[in-house]
């Protein structure tokens, strides 16, 4: 019997923005998720940072910097305030049972340790189990989960788990290759170094033949 994947990984809790309410009205409830970042608060914090590093936030070149940074964070972290599963809305019933692969999907994210960018490409593959998804939706899923403070290891797994929860394929795999500016422009300063992570689910993990086919297609 064909085994489908879905609703199986604890890490996928991190991909959801809504939190369930408690059963007891007397219990403290988690705060409702914000609809977006507090831009004024970011501006105030950015002005303080400029002062703390010895700059003059009132000089001409920096006068609008706090508001620019606030709007930048609003864009870069928009994935915090949206459900990534919503990006997989275009699902179609289809009998195709062979591997589907999308390679070289560009992505940009922010390392949660230093709030510096890491960027690269993602490769995604899956074996459908009666359902396929619109091609652009896979890229949108990568973007949605990238736009929040992240670590590459978690990001890779969340992409695989979210896809499996929605489409329940027989298997899927994600490979991400990225340069981390926290390693290339500061600290050890190893320019050109690349981090590679993978997440394999279902037959991509359990079948050596399927796994080999996926990695061969990613490398070709």
Protein backbone atom coordinates (compact mmCIF):
# COMPACT_ATOMS: atom_id res chain seq x y z
CA UNK A 1 0.00 0.00 0.00
CA UNK A 2 1.26 3.45 -0.93
CA UNK A 3 2.30 5.47 2.09
CA UNK A 4 1.57 9.18 2.13
CA UNK A 5 3.23 11.75 4.29
CA UNK A 6 1.71 14.50 6.37
CA UNK A 7 1.20 15.91 9.85
CA UNK A 8 4.22 14.05 11.13
CA UNK A 9 6.96 16.46 12.12
CA UNK A 10 7.16 18.41 15.38
CA UNK A 11 9.31 21.08 13.71
CA UNK A 12 6.37 22.11 11.56
CA UNK A 13 4.83 23.87 14.57
CA UNK A 14 7.32 26.64 13.83
CA UNK A 15 5.81 27.16 10.39
CA UNK A 16 2.43 28.18 11.81
CA UNK A 17 1.60 31.65 13.08
CA UNK A 18 -1.76 30.90 14.72
CA UNK A 19 -1.77 29.41 18.22
CA UNK A 20 -4.64 27.31 19.62
CA UNK A 21 -6.71 28.70 22.47
CA UNK A 22 -6.67 26.94 25.84
CA UNK A 23 -9.59 24.98 27.26
CA UNK A 24 -9.80 27.00 30.45
CA UNK A 25 -10.79 30.66 30.28
CA UNK A 26 -8.86 31.29 33.49
CA UNK A 27 -5.60 30.09 31.97
CA UNK A 28 -3.31 32.78 30.50
CA UNK A 29 -3.60 32.75 26.74
CA UNK A 30 -0.76 33.38 24.25
CA UNK A 31 -0.80 36.77 22.64
CA UNK A 32 -2.46 36.91 19.25
CA UNK A 33 0.06 37.15 16.40
CA UNK A 34 0.67 40.66 15.12
CA UNK A 35 -0.53 41.52 11.63
CA UNK A 36 2.85 43.06 10.93
CA UNK A 37 5.92 44.56 12.59
CA UNK A 38 5.80 47.61 14.84
CA UNK A 39 7.49 50.07 12.48
CA UNK A 40 7.67 52.94 14.97
CA UNK A 41 9.32 50.72 17.55
CA UNK A 42 11.90 49.56 15.00
CA UNK A 43 12.63 53.17 14.08
CA UNK A 44 13.22 54.10 17.71
CA UNK A 45 15.47 51.09 18.22
CA UNK A 46 17.46 51.85 15.07
CA UNK A 47 18.01 55.43 16.17
CA UNK A 48 19.35 54.12 19.50
CA UNK A 49 21.70 51.73 17.70
CA UNK A 50 23.10 54.59 15.62
CA UNK A 51 23.70 56.58 18.78
CA UNK A 52 25.27 53.57 20.51
CA UNK A 53 27.83 53.01 17.75
CA UNK A 54 28.84 56.67 17.86
CA UNK A 55 26.91 58.05 14.90
CA UNK A 56 24.69 61.11 14.63
CA UNK A 57 21.22 59.95 13.55
CA UNK A 58 20.25 63.55 12.79
CA UNK A 59 22.86 64.11 10.10
CA UNK A 60 21.62 64.24 6.51
CA UNK A 61 22.74 60.79 5.39
CA UNK A 62 21.20 59.01 8.39
CA UNK A 63 18.09 61.09 8.96
CA UNK A 64 15.77 58.67 7.13
CA UNK A 65 17.75 55.53 7.91
CA UNK A 66 15.59 54.34 10.84
CA UNK A 67 12.41 54.47 8.73
CA UNK A 68 14.16 52.80 5.80
CA UNK A 69 15.38 50.00 8.04
CA UNK A 70 11.89 49.57 9.52
CA UNK A 71 10.34 49.17 6.07
CA UNK A 72 13.16 46.80 5.09
CA UNK A 73 12.47 44.57 8.10
CA UNK A 74 8.78 44.65 7.26
CA UNK A 75 9.64 43.11 3.88
CA UNK A 76 12.39 40.73 5.02
CA UNK A 77 10.35 39.29 7.90
CA UNK A 78 6.90 39.22 6.29
CA UNK A 79 6.93 35.42 6.57
CA UNK A 80 6.46 35.74 10.35
CA UNK A 81 2.91 36.94 9.84
CA UNK A 82 1.58 34.51 7.22
CA UNK A 83 0.85 30.79 7.05
CA UNK A 84 3.32 29.12 4.64
CA UNK A 85 0.78 26.41 3.81
CA UNK A 86 -1.33 29.06 2.07
CA UNK A 87 1.27 29.30 -0.69
CA UNK A 88 0.34 25.75 -1.80
CA UNK A 89 -3.20 26.70 -2.79
CA UNK A 90 -3.08 25.56 -6.42
CA UNK A 91 -3.35 21.79 -5.95
CA UNK A 92 -4.58 19.55 -8.78
CA UNK A 93 -5.65 15.91 -8.95
CA UNK A 94 -3.28 14.18 -11.37
CA UNK A 95 -2.14 10.60 -11.90
CA UNK A 96 1.52 11.45 -12.49
CA UNK A 97 3.63 9.16 -10.27
CA UNK A 98 7.18 10.02 -11.37
CA UNK A 99 9.59 12.42 -9.70
CA UNK A 100 9.02 16.16 -10.05
CA UNK A 101 12.04 18.40 -9.47
CA UNK A 102 12.48 22.17 -9.38
CA UNK A 103 16.11 23.25 -9.28
CA UNK A 104 17.96 26.48 -8.57
CA UNK A 105 15.24 28.42 -6.75
CA UNK A 106 16.94 31.61 -5.49
CA UNK A 107 16.28 32.51 -1.87
CA UNK A 108 17.36 35.13 0.66
CA UNK A 109 16.98 34.80 4.42
CA UNK A 110 18.35 36.30 7.63
CA UNK A 111 20.52 34.37 10.05
CA UNK A 112 18.82 34.61 13.44
CA UNK A 113 22.16 34.63 15.28
CA UNK A 114 23.59 37.84 13.79
CA UNK A 115 20.71 39.20 11.66
CA UNK A 116 22.94 39.06 8.60
CA UNK A 117 21.76 37.59 5.30
CA UNK A 118 22.36 34.14 3.94
CA UNK A 119 21.41 33.47 0.36
CA UNK A 120 21.68 30.82 -2.31
CA UNK A 121 19.52 28.32 -4.17
CA UNK A 122 17.07 25.61 -3.18
CA UNK A 123 16.39 22.38 -5.05
CA UNK A 124 13.09 20.61 -4.45
CA UNK A 125 11.69 17.27 -5.55
CA UNK A 126 8.68 15.11 -4.75
CA UNK A 127 6.87 11.94 -5.78
CA UNK A 128 3.17 12.77 -6.18
CA UNK A 129 0.49 10.56 -4.65
CA UNK A 130 -2.45 11.70 -6.75
CA UNK A 131 -1.88 15.44 -6.33
CA UNK A 132 0.45 17.94 -7.96
CA UNK A 133 0.97 21.63 -7.22
CA UNK A 134 1.45 24.68 -9.43
CA UNK A 135 5.14 25.16 -10.19
CA UNK A 136 5.37 28.73 -8.86
CA UNK A 137 3.85 27.64 -5.54
CA UNK A 138 6.98 25.69 -4.61
CA UNK A 139 9.08 28.82 -5.10
CA UNK A 140 6.55 30.82 -3.07
CA UNK A 141 6.80 28.29 -0.24
CA UNK A 142 10.59 28.71 -0.19
CA UNK A 143 10.21 32.50 -0.12
CA UNK A 144 7.55 32.50 2.61
CA UNK A 145 9.62 30.39 4.99
CA UNK A 146 12.84 32.26 4.17
CA UNK A 147 11.38 35.62 5.16
CA UNK A 148 11.86 35.33 8.91
CA UNK A 149 14.86 34.99 11.22
CA UNK A 150 16.13 31.52 10.34
CA UNK A 151 18.86 28.94 10.45
CA UNK A 152 19.42 27.03 7.24
CA UNK A 153 19.01 23.63 8.87
CA UNK A 154 15.52 24.46 10.17
CA UNK A 155 14.49 26.23 6.98
CA UNK A 156 15.33 23.15 4.90
CA UNK A 157 13.23 20.88 7.10
CA UNK A 158 10.28 23.28 7.31
CA UNK A 159 10.01 23.46 3.52
CA UNK A 160 9.84 19.66 3.30
CA UNK A 161 7.44 19.26 6.22
CA UNK A 162 5.01 21.99 5.13
CA UNK A 163 4.83 20.52 1.63
CA UNK A 164 4.24 17.01 3.00
CA UNK A 165 1.50 18.20 5.33
CA UNK A 166 -0.43 19.84 2.49
CA UNK A 167 0.07 17.45 -0.45
CA UNK A 168 0.89 14.20 1.37
CA UNK A 169 3.24 12.88 -1.35
CA UNK A 170 4.93 9.51 -1.15
CA UNK A 171 8.18 11.38 -0.59
CA UNK A 172 9.97 14.67 -1.02
CA UNK A 173 13.44 16.13 -0.74
CA UNK A 174 14.99 19.57 -0.30
CA UNK A 175 18.61 20.60 -0.81
CA UNK A 176 19.73 24.15 -0.01
CA UNK A 177 23.09 25.73 -0.84
CA UNK A 178 23.88 29.12 0.67
CA UNK A 179 26.56 31.65 1.48
CA UNK A 180 26.29 33.09 4.99
CA UNK A 181 27.48 36.68 5.42
CA UNK A 182 27.93 36.08 9.14
CA UNK A 183 30.84 33.84 8.10
CA UNK A 184 32.15 35.73 5.07
CA UNK A 185 32.05 39.42 6.11
CA UNK A 186 32.75 39.04 9.85
CA UNK A 187 34.32 36.59 12.24
CA UNK A 188 36.42 34.03 10.40
CA UNK A 189 35.84 35.85 7.04
CA UNK A 190 35.96 32.80 4.77
CA UNK A 191 34.67 34.27 1.53
CA UNK A 192 33.29 31.77 -0.97
CA UNK A 193 32.41 29.09 1.56
CA UNK A 194 29.01 27.46 1.06
CA UNK A 195 26.74 25.57 3.43
CA UNK A 196 24.69 22.66 2.04
CA UNK A 197 21.74 21.15 3.91
CA UNK A 198 19.20 18.52 2.96
CA UNK A 199 15.87 17.22 4.24
CA UNK A 200 14.49 13.90 2.98
CA UNK A 201 11.02 12.58 3.72
CA UNK A 202 9.23 9.34 2.89
CA UNK A 203 10.65 7.35 -0.02
CA UNK A 204 13.37 9.96 -0.54
CA UNK A 205 14.75 8.93 2.84
CA UNK A 206 13.80 5.25 2.90
CA UNK A 207 14.63 4.18 -0.66
CA UNK A 208 18.28 4.35 -1.73
CA UNK A 209 17.22 4.22 -5.39
CA UNK A 210 14.83 7.17 -5.06
CA UNK A 211 17.37 9.11 -3.02
CA UNK A 212 20.10 8.50 -5.62
CA UNK A 213 17.78 9.62 -8.44
CA UNK A 214 16.96 12.84 -6.62
CA UNK A 215 20.56 13.76 -5.87
CA UNK A 216 21.64 12.86 -9.42
CA UNK A 217 19.01 15.21 -10.87
CA UNK A 218 20.00 17.99 -8.47
CA UNK A 219 23.67 17.72 -9.48
CA UNK A 220 23.11 17.36 -13.25
